[in-house]
Protein backbone atom coordinates (compact mmCIF):
# COMPACT_ATOMS: atom_id res chain seq x y z
CA MET A 1 -18.14 -18.84 -9.46
CA ALA A 2 -17.93 -20.56 -12.74
CA LEU A 3 -14.95 -22.77 -13.25
CA MET A 4 -12.71 -22.59 -16.29
CA ILE A 5 -10.09 -25.15 -17.90
CA THR A 6 -6.51 -23.99 -18.11
CA ASP A 7 -4.38 -24.64 -21.21
CA ASP A 8 -2.65 -27.69 -19.43
CA CYS A 9 -5.74 -29.74 -20.37
CA ILE A 10 -4.69 -32.88 -22.23
CA LEU A 11 -8.42 -33.42 -23.92
CA CYS A 12 -8.69 -36.88 -21.81
CA GLY A 13 -12.54 -35.95 -21.88
CA VAL A 14 -13.06 -37.30 -18.13
CA CYS A 15 -14.54 -33.84 -16.91
CA GLU A 16 -16.77 -33.39 -20.00
CA ALA A 17 -18.43 -37.09 -19.20
CA GLU A 18 -18.80 -36.01 -15.48
CA CYS A 19 -20.53 -32.54 -16.03
CA LEU A 20 -24.14 -32.99 -15.06
CA ASN A 21 -25.17 -29.69 -16.72
CA GLY A 22 -23.44 -30.33 -20.03
CA ALA A 23 -21.22 -27.27 -19.57
CA ILE A 24 -17.98 -28.69 -20.71
CA SER A 25 -17.30 -29.12 -24.44
CA PHE A 26 -14.41 -29.45 -26.61
CA GLY A 27 -12.84 -25.96 -27.43
CA GLU A 28 -10.44 -24.81 -29.92
CA SER A 29 -7.53 -26.47 -28.20
CA TYR A 30 -8.68 -27.85 -25.06
CA HIS A 31 -11.91 -28.27 -23.20
CA GLU A 32 -13.92 -25.28 -22.12
CA ILE A 33 -16.79 -24.64 -19.43
CA SER A 34 -19.82 -22.51 -20.28
CA SER A 35 -20.08 -20.05 -17.40
CA ASN A 36 -23.96 -20.01 -18.37
CA LEU A 37 -24.03 -23.69 -17.56
CA CYS A 38 -21.71 -24.15 -14.58
CA THR A 39 -23.07 -24.31 -11.36
CA GLU A 40 -19.99 -25.87 -9.63
CA CYS A 41 -22.26 -28.88 -9.34
CA VAL A 42 -24.43 -27.05 -6.69
CA GLY A 43 -27.56 -29.03 -6.31
CA TYR A 44 -26.06 -32.24 -7.45
CA ALA A 45 -23.03 -32.77 -5.46
CA ASP A 46 -20.84 -31.27 -2.35
CA SER A 47 -18.03 -30.28 -4.75
CA PRO A 48 -17.47 -29.70 -8.67
CA GLN A 49 -17.19 -33.16 -9.86
CA CYS A 50 -15.16 -32.00 -12.91
CA VAL A 51 -12.61 -30.85 -10.48
CA GLU A 52 -12.57 -34.08 -8.56
CA VAL A 53 -11.65 -36.28 -11.68
CA CYS A 54 -9.36 -34.23 -13.57
CA PRO A 55 -5.86 -35.93 -13.59
CA LEU A 56 -4.01 -32.70 -14.07
CA ASN A 57 -5.76 -30.32 -11.71
CA CYS A 58 -6.29 -27.83 -14.44
CA ILE A 59 -9.90 -26.63 -13.69
CA VAL A 60 -9.82 -23.68 -11.73
CA VAL A 61 -12.12 -20.76 -10.56
CA ASN A 62 -12.70 -18.39 -13.51
CA PRO A 63 -12.00 -14.75 -12.16
CA ASN A 64 -14.22 -13.30 -14.74
CA HIS A 65 -17.33 -15.15 -13.65
CA ARG A 66 -17.68 -14.80 -9.68
CA GLU A 67 -20.97 -15.92 -8.35
CA SER A 68 -22.18 -16.55 -4.86
CA ALA A 69 -23.64 -19.89 -3.54
CA ALA A 70 -27.09 -18.52 -4.00
CA GLU A 71 -26.48 -17.41 -7.43
CA LEU A 72 -25.29 -20.74 -8.34
CA HIS A 73 -28.33 -22.27 -6.78
CA LEU A 74 -30.59 -20.25 -8.44
CA LYS A 75 -28.79 -21.03 -11.90
CA HIS A 76 -29.30 -24.65 -10.79
CA LEU A 77 -33.09 -24.43 -10.36
CA ILE A 78 -33.37 -22.63 -13.62
CA ILE A 79 -31.36 -25.25 -15.46
CA SER A 80 -33.35 -28.08 -13.86
CA ALA A 81 -36.55 -26.41 -14.68
CA SER A 82 -35.75 -26.06 -18.34
CA SER A 83 -34.51 -29.69 -18.70
């Protein structure tokens, strides 16, 4: 499952700096997470690092982009190979 940032985001930028895949960027009014790049930190850490550092807990599972652990791992391998 890719993650998403709710409109409670205050644009502190902590999550963007923490994202190892570059999946987080500034959106129209708050930060956004690219579902094509978000692996929930699979392959890098035991848990999503953006969620760990968000001071408002406004990073949640995106219900429109559900992925299994195997799919997230495959995405991680593809992203790692292309970097």
